[in-house]
Amino acid sequence: MKIARVEGEAVSTIKHATLDGQRLLMVQPLTPEGKDEGVPEIAVDTVGAGIGERVLVTQEGRAAEELTGHTNPPVRTLIVGIIDSIEAGGETVFAKNES
């Protein structure tokens, strides 16, 4: 799993049938301290995340199958949680109400 920030929404009028009704968001992977890490990705939103929120994403195939209810869905990245706070080294490095 990775930490990411929601940067925007991807709108697609035509998509694979298993993605009908699914919201697609662009996410920027982050370090625990909040620095950009890697390139942005498109993720299926399973939790109702909003733009600017820090989220927990997974790229495990089994999670995609379980959350979409389909075998071998065309999904690589899923948003599986909205992060309220992050602690590292005994210190709070991110708190939702402070951003």
N, C-alpha and C. Protein backbone atom coordinates (compact mmCIF):
# COMPACT_ATOMS: atom_id res chain seq x y z
N MET A 1 0.84 -1.18 0.00
CA MET A 1 0.00 0.00 0.00
C MET A 1 0.88 1.24 0.00
N LYS A 2 0.32 2.32 -0.52
CA LYS A 2 1.02 3.58 -0.63
C LYS A 2 0.15 4.72 -0.11
N ILE A 3 0.83 5.82 0.20
CA ILE A 3 0.14 7.06 0.54
C ILE A 3 0.11 7.90 -0.72
N ALA A 4 -1.01 8.58 -0.97
CA ALA A 4 -1.12 9.45 -2.14
C ALA A 4 -2.03 10.63 -1.82
N ARG A 5 -1.98 11.64 -2.68
CA ARG A 5 -2.86 12.80 -2.56
C ARG A 5 -3.74 12.84 -3.82
N VAL A 6 -5.02 13.06 -3.64
CA VAL A 6 -5.93 13.15 -4.78
C VAL A 6 -5.72 14.50 -5.46
N GLU A 7 -5.38 14.44 -6.76
CA GLU A 7 -5.08 15.64 -7.53
C GLU A 7 -6.24 16.09 -8.41
N GLY A 8 -7.08 15.15 -8.84
CA GLY A 8 -8.17 15.50 -9.73
C GLY A 8 -8.99 14.29 -10.11
N GLU A 9 -9.95 14.52 -10.99
CA GLU A 9 -10.86 13.46 -11.42
C GLU A 9 -10.61 13.15 -12.89
N ALA A 10 -10.68 11.89 -13.25
CA ALA A 10 -10.57 11.46 -14.64
C ALA A 10 -11.97 11.08 -15.11
N VAL A 11 -12.45 11.72 -16.15
CA VAL A 11 -13.79 11.46 -16.66
C VAL A 11 -13.68 10.65 -17.94
N SER A 12 -14.42 9.55 -17.99
CA SER A 12 -14.40 8.68 -19.15
C SER A 12 -15.83 8.29 -19.51
N THR A 13 -16.26 8.66 -20.70
CA THR A 13 -17.63 8.32 -21.11
C THR A 13 -17.74 6.87 -21.55
N ILE A 14 -16.63 6.30 -22.02
CA ILE A 14 -16.62 4.90 -22.42
C ILE A 14 -15.51 4.21 -21.64
N LYS A 15 -15.88 3.14 -20.92
CA LYS A 15 -14.88 2.38 -20.15
C LYS A 15 -15.31 0.93 -20.03
N HIS A 16 -14.41 0.11 -19.56
CA HIS A 16 -14.67 -1.32 -19.40
C HIS A 16 -15.93 -1.50 -18.54
N ALA A 17 -16.72 -2.50 -18.86
CA ALA A 17 -18.00 -2.74 -18.17
C ALA A 17 -17.84 -2.89 -16.66
N THR A 18 -16.72 -3.46 -16.20
CA THR A 18 -16.53 -3.63 -14.75
C THR A 18 -16.30 -2.30 -14.04
N LEU A 19 -16.05 -1.24 -14.81
CA LEU A 19 -15.82 0.08 -14.21
C LEU A 19 -17.04 0.99 -14.28
N ASP A 20 -18.15 0.49 -14.83
CA ASP A 20 -19.37 1.31 -14.89
C ASP A 20 -19.77 1.73 -13.48
N GLY A 21 -20.03 3.00 -13.31
CA GLY A 21 -20.44 3.52 -12.02
C GLY A 21 -19.29 3.77 -11.06
N GLN A 22 -18.06 3.47 -11.47
CA GLN A 22 -16.89 3.68 -10.61
C GLN A 22 -16.29 5.06 -10.90
N ARG A 23 -15.90 5.75 -9.84
CA ARG A 23 -15.27 7.07 -9.97
C ARG A 23 -13.77 6.88 -10.12
N LEU A 24 -13.18 7.57 -11.09
CA LEU A 24 -11.74 7.49 -11.34
C LEU A 24 -11.08 8.79 -10.91
N LEU A 25 -10.05 8.69 -10.09
CA LEU A 25 -9.34 9.88 -9.61
C LEU A 25 -7.86 9.79 -9.93
N MET A 26 -7.24 10.95 -10.18
CA MET A 26 -5.80 11.00 -10.38
C MET A 26 -5.16 11.21 -9.01
N VAL A 27 -4.21 10.34 -8.66
CA VAL A 27 -3.54 10.44 -7.36
C VAL A 27 -2.04 10.58 -7.55
N GLN A 28 -1.42 11.38 -6.69
CA GLN A 28 0.02 11.57 -6.69
C GLN A 28 0.60 10.82 -5.51
N PRO A 29 1.42 9.77 -5.75
CA PRO A 29 2.05 9.06 -4.63
C PRO A 29 2.93 10.01 -3.81
N LEU A 30 2.95 9.78 -2.49
CA LEU A 30 3.68 10.64 -1.56
C LEU A 30 4.57 9.82 -0.63
N THR A 31 5.58 10.47 -0.07
CA THR A 31 6.32 9.90 1.04
C THR A 31 5.47 10.10 2.28
N PRO A 32 5.77 9.42 3.40
CA PRO A 32 4.99 9.66 4.63
C PRO A 32 5.03 11.13 5.08
N GLU A 33 6.10 11.83 4.73
CA GLU A 33 6.23 13.24 5.10
C GLU A 33 5.48 14.18 4.16
N GLY A 34 4.93 13.64 3.08
CA GLY A 34 4.11 14.44 2.18
C GLY A 34 4.81 14.95 0.93
N LYS A 35 6.00 14.48 0.63
CA LYS A 35 6.71 14.91 -0.58
C LYS A 35 6.29 14.00 -1.74
N ASP A 36 6.16 14.61 -2.94
CA ASP A 36 5.80 13.83 -4.13
C ASP A 36 6.82 12.73 -4.36
N GLU A 37 6.32 11.56 -4.75
CA GLU A 37 7.18 10.41 -4.99
C GLU A 37 6.64 9.65 -6.20
N GLY A 38 7.36 9.70 -7.31
CA GLY A 38 6.90 9.01 -8.50
C GLY A 38 5.96 9.85 -9.32
N VAL A 39 5.26 9.17 -10.22
CA VAL A 39 4.37 9.86 -11.16
C VAL A 39 2.90 9.64 -10.77
N PRO A 40 2.03 10.59 -11.13
CA PRO A 40 0.61 10.43 -10.83
C PRO A 40 0.03 9.19 -11.52
N GLU A 41 -1.03 8.64 -10.91
CA GLU A 41 -1.70 7.45 -11.42
C GLU A 41 -3.20 7.67 -11.38
N ILE A 42 -3.93 6.88 -12.16
CA ILE A 42 -5.39 6.89 -12.09
C ILE A 42 -5.80 5.75 -11.17
N ALA A 43 -6.70 6.04 -10.24
CA ALA A 43 -7.15 5.04 -9.27
C ALA A 43 -8.67 5.01 -9.21
N VAL A 44 -9.21 3.83 -8.93
CA VAL A 44 -10.64 3.68 -8.71
C VAL A 44 -10.92 4.06 -7.26
N ASP A 45 -11.85 4.98 -7.06
CA ASP A 45 -12.19 5.46 -5.72
C ASP A 45 -13.26 4.57 -5.11
N THR A 46 -12.91 3.86 -4.04
CA THR A 46 -13.88 2.98 -3.38
C THR A 46 -14.40 3.57 -2.07
N VAL A 47 -13.94 4.79 -1.71
CA VAL A 47 -14.28 5.34 -0.39
C VAL A 47 -14.87 6.76 -0.43
N GLY A 48 -15.01 7.36 -1.59
CA GLY A 48 -15.57 8.71 -1.67
C GLY A 48 -14.57 9.80 -1.33
N ALA A 49 -13.33 9.65 -1.77
CA ALA A 49 -12.28 10.63 -1.48
C ALA A 49 -12.51 11.92 -2.27
N GLY A 50 -11.99 13.01 -1.73
CA GLY A 50 -12.11 14.31 -2.38
C GLY A 50 -10.77 14.85 -2.82
N ILE A 51 -10.81 15.80 -3.71
CA ILE A 51 -9.59 16.42 -4.22
C ILE A 51 -8.84 17.08 -3.06
N GLY A 52 -7.53 16.83 -3.01
CA GLY A 52 -6.68 17.38 -1.96
C GLY A 52 -6.50 16.46 -0.77
N GLU A 53 -7.34 15.44 -0.64
CA GLU A 53 -7.22 14.52 0.51
C GLU A 53 -6.05 13.56 0.33
N ARG A 54 -5.46 13.18 1.45
CA ARG A 54 -4.46 12.12 1.43
C ARG A 54 -5.19 10.81 1.60
N VAL A 55 -4.79 9.84 0.78
CA VAL A 55 -5.49 8.56 0.74
C VAL A 55 -4.50 7.41 0.79
N LEU A 56 -5.04 6.25 1.11
CA LEU A 56 -4.28 5.01 1.10
C LEU A 56 -4.67 4.27 -0.17
N VAL A 57 -3.68 3.92 -1.00
CA VAL A 57 -3.96 3.20 -2.23
C VAL A 57 -3.28 1.84 -2.20
N THR A 58 -3.87 0.90 -2.92
CA THR A 58 -3.30 -0.43 -3.04
C THR A 58 -3.19 -0.78 -4.51
N GLN A 59 -2.20 -1.59 -4.82
CA GLN A 59 -2.02 -2.05 -6.20
C GLN A 59 -2.00 -3.57 -6.24
N GLU A 60 -2.63 -4.19 -5.27
CA GLU A 60 -2.69 -5.64 -5.21
C GLU A 60 -3.86 -6.14 -6.03
N GLY A 61 -3.61 -7.09 -6.92
CA GLY A 61 -4.67 -7.63 -7.78
C GLY A 61 -5.83 -8.21 -7.02
N ARG A 62 -5.57 -8.92 -5.93
CA ARG A 62 -6.64 -9.56 -5.15
C ARG A 62 -7.59 -8.52 -4.57
N ALA A 63 -7.05 -7.40 -4.10
CA ALA A 63 -7.90 -6.34 -3.54
C ALA A 63 -8.84 -5.79 -4.61
N ALA A 64 -8.35 -5.63 -5.83
CA ALA A 64 -9.19 -5.14 -6.92
C ALA A 64 -10.33 -6.11 -7.19
N GLU A 65 -10.04 -7.40 -7.16
CA GLU A 65 -11.08 -8.39 -7.39
C GLU A 65 -12.14 -8.34 -6.29
N GLU A 66 -11.70 -8.25 -5.04
CA GLU A 66 -12.64 -8.26 -3.92
C GLU A 66 -13.50 -7.00 -3.89
N LEU A 67 -12.89 -5.83 -4.13
CA LEU A 67 -13.63 -4.58 -4.02
C LEU A 67 -14.52 -4.29 -5.22
N THR A 68 -14.16 -4.81 -6.40
CA THR A 68 -15.01 -4.59 -7.58
C THR A 68 -16.00 -5.72 -7.78
N GLY A 69 -15.73 -6.88 -7.17
CA GLY A 69 -16.62 -8.02 -7.33
C GLY A 69 -16.45 -8.76 -8.64
N HIS A 70 -15.35 -8.49 -9.36
CA HIS A 70 -15.10 -9.12 -10.64
C HIS A 70 -13.76 -9.84 -10.63
N THR A 71 -13.66 -10.94 -11.36
CA THR A 71 -12.40 -11.64 -11.51
C THR A 71 -11.57 -10.94 -12.58
N ASN A 72 -10.32 -10.68 -12.28
CA ASN A 72 -9.39 -10.00 -13.21
C ASN A 72 -9.93 -8.69 -13.78
N PRO A 73 -10.35 -7.75 -12.92
CA PRO A 73 -10.83 -6.47 -13.45
C PRO A 73 -9.65 -5.67 -14.03
N PRO A 74 -9.92 -4.77 -14.96
CA PRO A 74 -8.86 -3.98 -15.56
C PRO A 74 -8.45 -2.81 -14.66
N VAL A 75 -8.10 -3.13 -13.43
CA VAL A 75 -7.80 -2.12 -12.42
C VAL A 75 -6.45 -2.41 -11.82
N ARG A 76 -5.62 -1.40 -11.72
CA ARG A 76 -4.32 -1.58 -11.09
C ARG A 76 -4.26 -0.91 -9.73
N THR A 77 -4.87 0.26 -9.60
CA THR A 77 -4.76 1.04 -8.37
C THR A 77 -6.15 1.34 -7.82
N LEU A 78 -6.33 1.10 -6.51
CA LEU A 78 -7.59 1.38 -5.82
C LEU A 78 -7.34 2.29 -4.63
N ILE A 79 -8.23 3.24 -4.41
CA ILE A 79 -8.20 4.04 -3.19
C ILE A 79 -9.01 3.26 -2.17
N VAL A 80 -8.36 2.89 -1.05
CA VAL A 80 -9.03 2.04 -0.06
C VAL A 80 -9.20 2.72 1.30
N GLY A 81 -8.73 3.95 1.44
CA GLY A 81 -8.90 4.65 2.71
C GLY A 81 -8.56 6.12 2.59
N ILE A 82 -9.16 6.93 3.45
CA ILE A 82 -8.84 8.36 3.57
C ILE A 82 -8.05 8.52 4.85
N ILE A 83 -6.88 9.15 4.75
CA ILE A 83 -5.97 9.26 5.88
C ILE A 83 -6.31 10.47 6.74
N ASP A 84 -6.46 10.24 8.06
CA ASP A 84 -6.71 11.33 9.00
C ASP A 84 -5.41 11.87 9.58
N SER A 85 -4.45 10.98 9.84
CA SER A 85 -3.15 11.43 10.36
C SER A 85 -2.09 10.37 10.08
N ILE A 86 -0.84 10.82 10.08
CA ILE A 86 0.30 9.94 9.88
C ILE A 86 1.33 10.25 10.96
N GLU A 87 1.82 9.21 11.63
CA GLU A 87 2.89 9.35 12.61
C GLU A 87 4.10 8.60 12.12
N ALA A 88 5.27 9.21 12.23
CA ALA A 88 6.53 8.57 11.84
C ALA A 88 7.58 8.98 12.86
N GLY A 89 8.31 8.00 13.35
CA GLY A 89 9.36 8.29 14.33
C GLY A 89 8.82 8.92 15.61
N GLY A 90 7.61 8.57 15.97
CA GLY A 90 7.02 9.10 17.20
C GLY A 90 6.46 10.51 17.07
N GLU A 91 6.49 11.08 15.87
CA GLU A 91 5.96 12.43 15.66
C GLU A 91 4.84 12.40 14.62
N THR A 92 3.87 13.28 14.78
CA THR A 92 2.81 13.42 13.79
C THR A 92 3.36 14.23 12.63
N VAL A 93 3.42 13.60 11.45
CA VAL A 93 3.93 14.30 10.27
C VAL A 93 2.81 14.82 9.38
N PHE A 94 1.59 14.35 9.64
CA PHE A 94 0.42 14.84 8.92
C PHE A 94 -0.82 14.65 9.79
N ALA A 95 -1.64 15.68 9.84
CA ALA A 95 -2.94 15.60 10.50
C ALA A 95 -3.94 16.31 9.61
N LYS A 96 -5.02 15.64 9.27
CA LYS A 96 -6.01 16.15 8.33
C LYS A 96 -6.52 17.55 8.68
N ASN A 97 -6.76 17.80 9.93
CA ASN A 97 -7.30 19.10 10.35
C ASN A 97 -6.27 20.21 10.31
N GLU A 98 -5.00 19.89 10.05
CA GLU A 98 -3.96 20.92 9.99
C GLU A 98 -3.60 21.30 8.57
N SER A 99 -4.19 20.62 7.57
CA SER A 99 -3.85 20.91 6.17
C SER A 99 -4.91 21.72 5.50
